[in-house]
Amino acid sequence: MEQMKNVETVDKEHDFKVWSREAWLIIAGRQQGLHFTAESLALARDAYWQAISRSLVIYSDAKEFTSALFSQNIPLILMTGSDSILSLQESTGKLVYDPAFSEKL
């Protein structure tokens, strides 16, 4: 939860969801020693969304797969929220929501 606070900007006007794809990508990137620019984060977000949209299938072995992940202490993170696309404000390292930007995509 603390890691989320470090990347998300509180937006009282639009009240977007805290658990955004962009925040998860930043956190996972930091754990791997990677740094996102606004452009590279947008590319990663779009690649993630395209991959998910091509593979919307529930697999028969999903329970076994998740059990195998958990037995090795590998977290499973599911990201949704296609209606709110956030942008990285490089000067602050925070994510911001601009409804006009989201509508264009």
PDB file of N, CA and C in Angstrom:
ATOM      1  N   MET A   1       0.829  -1.185   0.000  1.00  0.00           N
ATOM      2  CA  MET A   1       0.000   0.000   0.000  1.00  0.00           C
ATOM      3  C   MET A   1       0.875   1.251   0.000  1.00  0.00           C
ATOM      4  N   GLU A   2       1.954   1.209   0.754  1.00  0.00           N
ATOM      5  CA  GLU A   2       2.850   2.360   0.828  1.00  0.00           C
ATOM      6  C   GLU A   2       3.480   2.659  -0.532  1.00  0.00           C
ATOM      7  N   GLN A   3       3.810   1.608  -1.288  1.00  0.00           N
ATOM      8  CA  GLN A   3       4.393   1.814  -2.612  1.00  0.00           C
ATOM      9  C   GLN A   3       3.418   2.537  -3.535  1.00  0.00           C
ATOM     10  N   MET A   4       2.124   2.251  -3.411  1.00  0.00           N
ATOM     11  CA  MET A   4       1.119   2.930  -4.221  1.00  0.00           C
ATOM     12  C   MET A   4       1.095   4.426  -3.907  1.00  0.00           C
ATOM     13  N   LYS A   5       1.203   4.770  -2.628  1.00  0.00           N
ATOM     14  CA  LYS A   5       1.163   6.175  -2.229  1.00  0.00           C
ATOM     15  C   LYS A   5       2.322   6.954  -2.833  1.00  0.00           C
ATOM     16  N   ASN A   6       3.435   6.267  -3.077  1.00  0.00           N
ATOM     17  CA  ASN A   6       4.610   6.933  -3.623  1.00  0.00           C
ATOM     18  C   ASN A   6       4.472   7.301  -5.093  1.00  0.00           C
ATOM     19  N   VAL A   7       3.544   6.699  -5.810  1.00  0.00           N
ATOM     20  CA  VAL A   7       3.426   6.983  -7.242  1.00  0.00           C
ATOM     21  C   VAL A   7       2.113   7.644  -7.643  1.00  0.00           C
ATOM     22  N   GLU A   8       1.075   7.520  -6.847  1.00  0.00           N
ATOM     23  CA  GLU A   8      -0.229   8.054  -7.248  1.00  0.00           C
ATOM     24  C   GLU A   8      -0.490   9.422  -6.620  1.00  0.00           C
ATOM     25  N   THR A   9      -0.997  10.309  -7.411  1.00  0.00           N
ATOM     26  CA  THR A   9      -1.400  11.629  -6.946  1.00  0.00           C
ATOM     27  C   THR A   9      -2.871  11.573  -6.546  1.00  0.00           C
ATOM     28  N   VAL A  10      -3.194  12.156  -5.409  1.00  0.00           N
ATOM     29  CA  VAL A  10      -4.595  12.213  -4.995  1.00  0.00           C
ATOM     30  C   VAL A  10      -5.306  13.202  -5.906  1.00  0.00           C
ATOM     31  N   ASP A  11      -6.383  12.766  -6.497  1.00  0.00           N
ATOM     32  CA  ASP A  11      -7.155  13.589  -7.428  1.00  0.00           C
ATOM     33  C   ASP A  11      -8.580  13.667  -6.894  1.00  0.00           C
ATOM     34  N   LYS A  12      -8.859  14.687  -6.103  1.00  0.00           N
ATOM     35  CA  LYS A  12     -10.171  14.800  -5.457  1.00  0.00           C
ATOM     36  C   LYS A  12     -11.286  15.072  -6.450  1.00  0.00           C
ATOM     37  N   GLU A  13     -10.970  15.704  -7.571  1.00  0.00           N
ATOM     38  CA  GLU A  13     -12.004  16.030  -8.556  1.00  0.00           C
ATOM     39  C   GLU A  13     -12.503  14.793  -9.291  1.00  0.00           C
ATOM     40  N   HIS A  14     -11.592  13.886  -9.678  1.00  0.00           N
ATOM     41  CA  HIS A  14     -11.975  12.737 -10.497  1.00  0.00           C
ATOM     42  C   HIS A  14     -12.004  11.421  -9.733  1.00  0.00           C
ATOM     43  N   ASP A  15     -11.343  11.357  -8.589  1.00  0.00           N
ATOM     44  CA  ASP A  15     -11.374  10.175  -7.722  1.00  0.00           C
ATOM     45  C   ASP A  15     -11.122   8.874  -8.487  1.00  0.00           C
ATOM     46  N   PHE A  16      -9.965   8.792  -9.174  1.00  0.00           N
ATOM     47  CA  PHE A  16      -9.663   7.572  -9.914  1.00  0.00           C
ATOM     48  C   PHE A  16      -9.238   6.453  -8.981  1.00  0.00           C
ATOM     49  N   LYS A  17      -9.278   5.232  -9.499  1.00  0.00           N
ATOM     50  CA  LYS A  17      -8.930   4.055  -8.708  1.00  0.00           C
ATOM     51  C   LYS A  17      -7.446   4.070  -8.345  1.00  0.00           C
ATOM     52  N   VAL A  18      -7.169   3.649  -7.137  1.00  0.00           N
ATOM     53  CA  VAL A  18      -5.791   3.662  -6.661  1.00  0.00           C
ATOM     54  C   VAL A  18      -4.953   2.577  -7.323  1.00  0.00           C
ATOM     55  N   TRP A  19      -5.535   1.438  -7.605  1.00  0.00           N
ATOM     56  CA  TRP A  19      -4.773   0.292  -8.097  1.00  0.00           C
ATOM     57  C   TRP A  19      -4.691   0.305  -9.621  1.00  0.00           C
ATOM     58  N   SER A  20      -4.008   1.279 -10.177  1.00  0.00           N
ATOM     59  CA  SER A  20      -3.936   1.419 -11.626  1.00  0.00           C
ATOM     60  C   SER A  20      -2.859   0.521 -12.228  1.00  0.00           C
ATOM     61  N   ARG A  21      -3.034   0.207 -13.508  1.00  0.00           N
ATOM     62  CA  ARG A  21      -2.009  -0.547 -14.253  1.00  0.00           C
ATOM     63  C   ARG A  21      -0.689   0.189 -14.195  1.00  0.00           C
ATOM     64  N   GLU A  22      -0.751   1.508 -14.371  1.00  0.00           N
ATOM     65  CA  GLU A  22       0.471   2.297 -14.415  1.00  0.00           C
ATOM     66  C   GLU A  22       1.246   2.208 -13.101  1.00  0.00           C
ATOM     67  N   ALA A  23       0.542   2.282 -11.986  1.00  0.00           N
ATOM     68  CA  ALA A  23       1.213   2.182 -10.685  1.00  0.00           C
ATOM     69  C   ALA A  23       1.852   0.813 -10.510  1.00  0.00           C
ATOM     70  N   TRP A  24       1.135  -0.249 -10.894  1.00  0.00           N
ATOM     71  CA  TRP A  24       1.707  -1.597 -10.789  1.00  0.00           C
ATOM     72  C   TRP A  24       2.938  -1.744 -11.670  1.00  0.00           C
ATOM     73  N   LEU A  25       2.900  -1.185 -12.865  1.00  0.00           N
ATOM     74  CA  LEU A  25       4.062  -1.260 -13.752  1.00  0.00           C
ATOM     75  C   LEU A  25       5.262  -0.539 -13.146  1.00  0.00           C
ATOM     76  N   ILE A  26       5.036   0.636 -12.558  1.00  0.00           N
ATOM     77  CA  ILE A  26       6.130   1.376 -11.925  1.00  0.00           C
ATOM     78  C   ILE A  26       6.715   0.578 -10.768  1.00  0.00           C
ATOM     79  N   ILE A  27       5.856   0.028  -9.917  1.00  0.00           N
ATOM     80  CA  ILE A  27       6.327  -0.741  -8.761  1.00  0.00           C
ATOM     81  C   ILE A  27       7.103  -1.974  -9.210  1.00  0.00           C
ATOM     82  N   ALA A  28       6.562  -2.721 -10.179  1.00  0.00           N
ATOM     83  CA  ALA A  28       7.265  -3.906 -10.682  1.00  0.00           C
ATOM     84  C   ALA A  28       8.589  -3.508 -11.328  1.00  0.00           C
ATOM     85  N   GLY A  29       8.588  -2.413 -12.068  1.00  0.00           N
ATOM     86  CA  GLY A  29       9.824  -1.935 -12.687  1.00  0.00           C
ATOM     87  C   GLY A  29      10.877  -1.593 -11.650  1.00  0.00           C
ATOM     88  N   ARG A  30      10.481  -0.900 -10.590  1.00  0.00           N
ATOM     89  CA  ARG A  30      11.432  -0.552  -9.520  1.00  0.00           C
ATOM     90  C   ARG A  30      12.030  -1.802  -8.885  1.00  0.00           C
ATOM     91  N   GLN A  31      11.197  -2.818  -8.689  1.00  0.00           N
ATOM     92  CA  GLN A  31      11.700  -4.058  -8.089  1.00  0.00           C
ATOM     93  C   GLN A  31      12.731  -4.734  -8.982  1.00  0.00           C
ATOM     94  N   GLN A  32      12.665  -4.458 -10.287  1.00  0.00           N
ATOM     95  CA  GLN A  32      13.615  -5.032 -11.236  1.00  0.00           C
ATOM     96  C   GLN A  32      14.733  -4.045 -11.591  1.00  0.00           C
ATOM     97  N   GLY A  33      14.761  -2.903 -10.912  1.00  0.00           N
ATOM     98  CA  GLY A  33      15.795  -1.910 -11.168  1.00  0.00           C
ATOM     99  C   GLY A  33      15.572  -1.091 -12.428  1.00  0.00           C
ATOM    100  N   LEU A  34      14.320  -1.004 -12.880  1.00  0.00           N
ATOM    101  CA  LEU A  34      13.992  -0.266 -14.100  1.00  0.00           C
ATOM    102  C   LEU A  34      13.362   1.078 -13.760  1.00  0.00           C
ATOM    103  N   HIS A  35      13.596   2.059 -14.607  1.00  0.00           N
ATOM    104  CA  HIS A  35      13.017   3.392 -14.434  1.00  0.00           C
ATOM    105  C   HIS A  35      12.200   3.729 -15.669  1.00  0.00           C
ATOM    106  N   PHE A  36      10.954   4.122 -15.483  1.00  0.00           N
ATOM    107  CA  PHE A  36      10.089   4.498 -16.589  1.00  0.00           C
ATOM    108  C   PHE A  36      10.130   6.001 -16.829  1.00  0.00           C
ATOM    109  N   THR A  37      10.147   6.378 -18.093  1.00  0.00           N
ATOM    110  CA  THR A  37       9.851   7.755 -18.483  1.00  0.00           C
ATOM    111  C   THR A  37       8.360   7.781 -18.795  1.00  0.00           C
ATOM    112  N   ALA A  38       7.810   8.962 -19.012  1.00  0.00           N
ATOM    113  CA  ALA A  38       6.390   9.044 -19.374  1.00  0.00           C
ATOM    114  C   ALA A  38       6.127   8.245 -20.646  1.00  0.00           C
ATOM    115  N   GLU A  39       7.040   8.349 -21.610  1.00  0.00           N
ATOM    116  CA  GLU A  39       6.857   7.641 -22.882  1.00  0.00           C
ATOM    117  C   GLU A  39       6.970   6.124 -22.715  1.00  0.00           C
ATOM    118  N   SER A  40       7.986   5.659 -21.975  1.00  0.00           N
ATOM    119  CA  SER A  40       8.154   4.206 -21.829  1.00  0.00           C
ATOM    120  C   SER A  40       7.037   3.594 -20.990  1.00  0.00           C
ATOM    121  N   LEU A  41       6.503   4.347 -20.021  1.00  0.00           N
ATOM    122  CA  LEU A  41       5.375   3.842 -19.235  1.00  0.00           C
ATOM    123  C   LEU A  41       4.133   3.716 -20.113  1.00  0.00           C
ATOM    124  N   ALA A  42       3.899   4.690 -20.978  1.00  0.00           N
ATOM    125  CA  ALA A  42       2.750   4.620 -21.889  1.00  0.00           C
ATOM    126  C   ALA A  42       2.888   3.424 -22.823  1.00  0.00           C
ATOM    127  N   LEU A  43       4.089   3.170 -23.322  1.00  0.00           N
ATOM    128  CA  LEU A  43       4.314   2.015 -24.195  1.00  0.00           C
ATOM    129  C   LEU A  43       4.076   0.708 -23.450  1.00  0.00           C
ATOM    130  N   ALA A  44       4.576   0.615 -22.209  1.00  0.00           N
ATOM    131  CA  ALA A  44       4.389  -0.601 -21.408  1.00  0.00           C
ATOM    132  C   ALA A  44       2.916  -0.817 -21.093  1.00  0.00           C
ATOM    133  N   ARG A  45       2.219   0.246 -20.720  1.00  0.00           N
ATOM    134  CA  ARG A  45       0.783   0.149 -20.425  1.00  0.00           C
ATOM    135  C   ARG A  45       0.011  -0.330 -21.647  1.00  0.00           C
ATOM    136  N   ASP A  46       0.308   0.252 -22.792  1.00  0.00           N
ATOM    137  CA  ASP A  46      -0.406  -0.126 -24.012  1.00  0.00           C
ATOM    138  C   ASP A  46      -0.091  -1.560 -24.428  1.00  0.00           C
ATOM    139  N   ALA A  47       1.167  -1.973 -24.279  1.00  0.00           N
ATOM    140  CA  ALA A  47       1.543  -3.355 -24.615  1.00  0.00           C
ATOM    141  C   ALA A  47       0.838  -4.337 -23.688  1.00  0.00           C
ATOM    142  N   TYR A  48       0.773  -4.002 -22.395  1.00  0.00           N
ATOM    143  CA  TYR A  48       0.061  -4.846 -21.437  1.00  0.00           C
ATOM    144  C   TYR A  48      -1.404  -4.985 -21.847  1.00  0.00           C
ATOM    145  N   TRP A  49      -2.055  -3.853 -22.139  1.00  0.00           N
ATOM    146  CA  TRP A  49      -3.481  -3.877 -22.460  1.00  0.00           C
ATOM    147  C   TRP A  49      -3.745  -4.649 -23.745  1.00  0.00           C
ATOM    148  N   GLN A  50      -2.885  -4.491 -24.737  1.00  0.00           N
ATOM    149  CA  GLN A  50      -3.050  -5.228 -25.992  1.00  0.00           C
ATOM    150  C   GLN A  50      -2.897  -6.729 -25.763  1.00  0.00           C
ATOM    151  N   ALA A  51      -1.920  -7.122 -24.954  1.00  0.00           N
ATOM    152  CA  ALA A  51      -1.718  -8.546 -24.667  1.00  0.00           C
ATOM    153  C   ALA A  51      -2.921  -9.124 -23.937  1.00  0.00           C
ATOM    154  N   ILE A  52      -3.445  -8.394 -22.968  1.00  0.00           N
ATOM    155  CA  ILE A  52      -4.615  -8.864 -22.223  1.00  0.00           C
ATOM    156  C   ILE A  52      -5.830  -8.970 -23.138  1.00  0.00           C
ATOM    157  N   SER A  53      -6.034  -7.979 -23.982  1.00  0.00           N
ATOM    158  CA  SER A  53      -7.226  -7.988 -24.833  1.00  0.00           C
ATOM    159  C   SER A  53      -7.203  -9.120 -25.859  1.00  0.00           C
ATOM    160  N   ARG A  54      -6.028  -9.622 -26.188  1.00  0.00           N
ATOM    161  CA  ARG A  54      -5.931 -10.747 -27.128  1.00  0.00           C
ATOM    162  C   ARG A  54      -6.095 -12.093 -26.428  1.00  0.00           C
ATOM    163  N   SER A  55      -6.027 -12.113 -25.114  1.00  0.00           N
ATOM    164  CA  SER A  55      -5.972 -13.380 -24.385  1.00  0.00           C
ATOM    165  C   SER A  55      -7.009 -13.483 -23.287  1.00  0.00           C
ATOM    166  N   LEU A  56      -8.219 -13.062 -23.529  1.00  0.00           N
ATOM    167  CA  LEU A  56      -9.250 -13.107 -22.501  1.00  0.00           C
ATOM    168  C   LEU A  56      -9.862 -14.499 -22.406  1.00  0.00           C
ATOM    169  N   VAL A  57      -9.093 -15.425 -21.838  1.00  0.00           N
ATOM    170  CA  VAL A  57      -9.524 -16.812 -21.723  1.00  0.00           C
ATOM    171  C   VAL A  57      -9.271 -17.269 -20.288  1.00  0.00           C
ATOM    172  N   ILE A  58     -10.234 -17.942 -19.707  1.00  0.00           N
ATOM    173  CA  ILE A  58     -10.021 -18.575 -18.408  1.00  0.00           C
ATOM    174  C   ILE A  58      -9.563 -20.003 -18.689  1.00  0.00           C
ATOM    175  N   TYR A  59      -8.414 -20.320 -18.193  1.00  0.00           N
ATOM    176  CA  TYR A  59      -7.830 -21.632 -18.469  1.00  0.00           C
ATOM    177  C   TYR A  59      -8.314 -22.676 -17.465  1.00  0.00           C
ATOM    178  N   SER A  60      -8.454 -23.899 -17.929  1.00  0.00           N
ATOM    179  CA  SER A  60      -8.934 -24.984 -17.066  1.00  0.00           C
ATOM    180  C   SER A  60      -7.964 -25.273 -15.924  1.00  0.00           C
ATOM    181  N   ASP A  61      -6.681 -24.948 -16.106  1.00  0.00           N
ATOM    182  CA  ASP A  61      -5.695 -25.221 -15.060  1.00  0.00           C
ATOM    183  C   ASP A  61      -5.362 -23.964 -14.243  1.00  0.00           C
ATOM    184  N   ALA A  62      -6.265 -22.981 -14.223  1.00  0.00           N
ATOM    185  CA  ALA A  62      -6.008 -21.724 -13.517  1.00  0.00           C
ATOM    186  C   ALA A  62      -5.738 -21.948 -12.029  1.00  0.00           C
ATOM    187  N   LYS A  63      -6.486 -22.848 -11.400  1.00  0.00           N
ATOM    188  CA  LYS A  63      -6.293 -23.100  -9.968  1.00  0.00           C
ATOM    189  C   LYS A  63      -4.905 -23.679  -9.703  1.00  0.00           C
ATOM    190  N   GLU A  64      -4.477 -24.626 -10.515  1.00  0.00           N
ATOM    191  CA  GLU A  64      -3.149 -25.222 -10.351  1.00  0.00           C
ATOM    192  C   GLU A  64      -2.055 -24.182 -10.616  1.00  0.00           C
ATOM    193  N   PHE A  65      -2.273 -23.349 -11.634  1.00  0.00           N
ATOM    194  CA  PHE A  65      -1.300 -22.314 -11.977  1.00  0.00           C
ATOM    195  C   PHE A  65      -1.109 -21.340 -10.817  1.00  0.00           C
ATOM    196  N   THR A  66      -2.220 -20.848 -10.253  1.00  0.00           N
ATOM    197  CA  THR A  66      -2.101 -19.904  -9.146  1.00  0.00           C
ATOM    198  C   THR A  66      -1.508 -20.571  -7.911  1.00  0.00           C
ATOM    199  N   SER A  67      -1.827 -21.829  -7.677  1.00  0.00           N
ATOM    200  CA  SER A  67      -1.231 -22.556  -6.551  1.00  0.00           C
ATOM    201  C   SER A  67       0.277 -22.654  -6.719  1.00  0.00           C
ATOM    202  N   ALA A  68       0.731 -22.922  -7.945  1.00  0.00           N
ATOM    203  CA  ALA A  68       2.171 -23.007  -8.209  1.00  0.00           C
ATOM    204  C   ALA A  68       2.848 -21.658  -7.967  1.00  0.00           C
ATOM    205  N   LEU A  69       2.200 -20.572  -8.388  1.00  0.00           N
ATOM    206  CA  LEU A  69       2.757 -19.243  -8.136  1.00  0.00           C
ATOM    207  C   LEU A  69       2.891 -18.981  -6.644  1.00  0.00           C
ATOM    208  N   PHE A  70       1.798 -19.214  -5.920  1.00  0.00           N
ATOM    209  CA  PHE A  70       1.786 -18.933  -4.489  1.00  0.00           C
ATOM    210  C   PHE A  70       2.768 -19.809  -3.722  1.00  0.00           C
ATOM    211  N   SER A  71       2.948 -21.056  -4.155  1.00  0.00           N
ATOM    212  CA  SER A  71       3.886 -21.949  -3.459  1.00  0.00           C
ATOM    213  C   SER A  71       5.324 -21.453  -3.582  1.00  0.00           C
ATOM    214  N   GLN A  72       5.587 -20.632  -4.602  1.00  0.00           N
ATOM    215  CA  GLN A  72       6.924 -20.073  -4.798  1.00  0.00           C
ATOM    216  C   GLN A  72       6.996 -18.599  -4.382  1.00  0.00           C
ATOM    217  N   ASN A  73       5.967 -18.159  -3.651  1.00  0.00           N
ATOM    218  CA  ASN A  73       5.883 -16.767  -3.184  1.00  0.00           C
ATOM    219  C   ASN A  73       5.935 -15.757  -4.324  1.00  0.00           C
ATOM    220  N   ILE A  74       5.337 -16.103  -5.460  1.00  0.00           N
ATOM    221  CA  ILE A  74       5.233 -15.192  -6.595  1.00  0.00           C
ATOM    222  C   ILE A  74       3.837 -14.574  -6.553  1.00  0.00           C
ATOM    223  N   PRO A  75       3.747 -13.247  -6.417  1.00  0.00           N
ATOM    224  CA  PRO A  75       2.421 -12.627  -6.340  1.00  0.00           C
ATOM    225  C   PRO A  75       1.708 -12.649  -7.683  1.00  0.00           C
ATOM    226  N   LEU A  76       0.410 -12.732  -7.631  1.00  0.00           N
ATOM    227  CA  LEU A  76      -0.426 -12.651  -8.823  1.00  0.00           C
ATOM    228  C   LEU A  76      -1.148 -11.315  -8.766  1.00  0.00           C
ATOM    229  N   ILE A  77      -0.918 -10.474  -9.757  1.00  0.00           N
ATOM    230  CA  ILE A  77      -1.519  -9.150  -9.790  1.00  0.00           C
ATOM    231  C   ILE A  77      -2.422  -9.064 -11.008  1.00  0.00           C
ATOM    232  N   LEU A  78      -3.690  -8.772 -10.776  1.00  0.00           N
ATOM    233  CA  LEU A  78      -4.647  -8.580 -11.861  1.00  0.00           C
ATOM    234  C   LEU A  78      -4.937  -7.095 -11.967  1.00  0.00           C
ATOM    235  N   MET A  79      -4.785  -6.539 -13.163  1.00  0.00           N
ATOM    236  CA  MET A  79      -4.972  -5.108 -13.349  1.00  0.00           C
ATOM    237  C   MET A  79      -6.149  -4.855 -14.276  1.00  0.00           C
ATOM    238  N   THR A  80      -7.013  -3.940 -13.867  1.00  0.00           N
ATOM    239  CA  THR A  80      -8.152  -3.561 -14.697  1.00  0.00           C
ATOM    240  C   THR A  80      -8.269  -2.044 -14.710  1.00  0.00           C
ATOM    241  N   GLY A  81      -9.394  -1.543 -15.134  1.00  0.00           N
ATOM    242  CA  GLY A  81      -9.629  -0.104 -15.089  1.00  0.00           C
ATOM    243  C   GLY A  81      -9.338   0.584 -16.404  1.00  0.00           C
ATOM    244  N   SER A  82      -9.838   0.050 -17.492  1.00  0.00           N
ATOM    245  CA  SER A  82      -9.535   0.616 -18.803  1.00  0.00           C
ATOM    246  C   SER A  82     -10.109   2.009 -18.994  1.00  0.00           C
ATOM    247  N   ASP A  83     -11.032   2.409 -18.141  1.00  0.00           N
ATOM    248  CA  ASP A  83     -11.659   3.717 -18.308  1.00  0.00           C
ATOM    249  C   ASP A  83     -10.825   4.862 -17.765  1.00  0.00           C
ATOM    250  N   SER A  84      -9.819   4.585 -16.981  1.00  0.00           N
ATOM    251  CA  SER A  84      -8.990   5.658 -16.431  1.00  0.00           C
ATOM    252  C   SER A  84      -7.524   5.391 -16.754  1.00  0.00           C
ATOM    253  N   ILE A  85      -7.008   6.149 -17.692  1.00  0.00           N
ATOM    254  CA  ILE A  85      -5.619   5.995 -18.107  1.00  0.00           C
ATOM    255  C   ILE A  85      -4.823   7.116 -17.466  1.00  0.00           C
ATOM    256  N   LEU A  86      -3.758   6.760 -16.784  1.00  0.00           N
ATOM    257  CA  LEU A  86      -2.946   7.739 -16.079  1.00  0.00           C
ATOM    258  C   LEU A  86      -1.673   8.028 -16.855  1.00  0.00           C
ATOM    259  N   SER A  87      -1.115   9.202 -16.625  1.00  0.00           N
ATOM    260  CA  SER A  87       0.143   9.604 -17.249  1.00  0.00           C
ATOM    261  C   SER A  87       1.160   9.877 -16.159  1.00  0.00           C
ATOM    262  N   LEU A  88       2.418   9.598 -16.454  1.00  0.00           N
ATOM    263  CA  LEU A  88       3.491   9.863 -15.505  1.00  0.00           C
ATOM    264  C   LEU A  88       3.926  11.315 -15.632  1.00  0.00           C
ATOM    265  N   GLN A  89       3.893  12.033 -14.528  1.00  0.00           N
ATOM    266  CA  GLN A  89       4.402  13.398 -14.475  1.00  0.00           C
ATOM    267  C   GLN A  89       5.864  13.280 -14.052  1.00  0.00           C
ATOM    268  N   GLU A  90       6.768  13.360 -15.014  1.00  0.00           N
ATOM    269  CA  GLU A  90       8.174  13.066 -14.748  1.00  0.00           C
ATOM    270  C   GLU A  90       8.792  13.983 -13.703  1.00  0.00           C
ATOM    271  N   SER A  91       8.354  15.228 -13.611  1.00  0.00           N
ATOM    272  CA  SER A  91       8.945  16.165 -12.655  1.00  0.00           C
ATOM    273  C   SER A  91       8.713  15.753 -11.206  1.00  0.00           C
ATOM    274  N   THR A  92       7.604  15.048 -10.941  1.00  0.00           N
ATOM    275  CA  THR A  92       7.293  14.633  -9.571  1.00  0.00           C
ATOM    276  C   THR A  92       7.371  13.125  -9.374  1.00  0.00           C
ATOM    277  N   GLY A  93       7.371  12.367 -10.482  1.00  0.00           N
ATOM    278  CA  GLY A  93       7.337  10.907 -10.380  1.00  0.00           C
ATOM    279  C   GLY A  93       5.962  10.377 -10.017  1.00  0.00           C
ATOM    280  N   LYS A  94       4.941  11.233 -10.105  1.00  0.00           N
ATOM    281  CA  LYS A  94       3.574  10.847  -9.739  1.00  0.00           C
ATOM    282  C   LYS A  94       2.732  10.596 -10.979  1.00  0.00           C
ATOM    283  N   LEU A  95       1.681   9.829 -10.795  1.00  0.00           N
ATOM    284  CA  LEU A  95       0.722   9.567 -11.857  1.00  0.00           C
ATOM    285  C   LEU A  95      -0.423  10.559 -11.760  1.00  0.00           C
ATOM    286  N   VAL A  96      -0.879  11.047 -12.898  1.00  0.00           N
ATOM    287  CA  VAL A  96      -1.978  12.008 -12.920  1.00  0.00           C
ATOM    288  C   VAL A  96      -3.047  11.543 -13.900  1.00  0.00           C
ATOM    289  N   TYR A  97      -4.269  11.937 -13.617  1.00  0.00           N
ATOM    290  CA  TYR A  97      -5.407  11.583 -14.466  1.00  0.00           C
ATOM    291  C   TYR A  97      -5.907  12.815 -15.198  1.00  0.00           C
ATOM    292  N   ASP A  98      -6.010  12.710 -16.504  1.00  0.00           N
ATOM    293  CA  ASP A  98      -6.559  13.768 -17.343  1.00  0.00           C
ATOM    294  C   ASP A  98      -7.675  13.137 -18.164  1.00  0.00           C
ATOM    295  N   PRO A  99      -8.948  13.434 -17.850  1.00  0.00           N
ATOM    296  CA  PRO A  99     -10.051  12.776 -18.551  1.00  0.00           C
ATOM    297  C   PRO A  99     -10.023  12.993 -20.058  1.00  0.00           C
ATOM    298  N   ALA A 100      -9.577  14.157 -20.518  1.00  0.00           N
ATOM    299  CA  ALA A 100      -9.515  14.412 -21.961  1.00  0.00           C
ATOM    300  C   ALA A 100      -8.516  13.463 -22.622  1.00  0.00           C
ATOM    301  N   PHE A 101      -7.391  13.216 -21.961  1.00  0.00           N
ATOM    302  CA  PHE A 101      -6.388  12.283 -22.479  1.00  0.00           C
ATOM    303  C   PHE A 101      -6.966  10.875 -22.542  1.00  0.00           C
ATOM    304  N   SER A 102      -7.648  10.454 -21.484  1.00  0.00           N
ATOM    305  CA  SER A 102      -8.243   9.112 -21.450  1.00  0.00           C
ATOM    306  C   SER A 102      -9.278   8.932 -22.552  1.00  0.00           C
ATOM    307  N   GLU A 103     -10.069   9.965 -22.801  1.00  0.00           N
ATOM    308  CA  GLU A 103     -11.098   9.877 -23.840  1.00  0.00           C
ATOM    309  C   GLU A 103     -10.497   9.706 -25.228  1.00  0.00           C
ATOM    310  N   LYS A 104      -9.323  10.296 -25.471  1.00  0.00           N
ATOM    311  CA  LYS A 104      -8.679  10.197 -26.780  1.00  0.00           C
ATOM    312  C   LYS A 104      -8.208   8.782 -27.070  1.00  0.00           C
ATOM    313  N   LEU A 105      -7.855   8.040 -26.035  1.00  0.00           N
ATOM    314  CA  LEU A 105      -7.346   6.687 -26.222  1.00  0.00           C
ATOM    315  C   LEU A 105      -8.486   5.740 -26.194  1.00  0.00           C
TER     316      LEU A 105
END
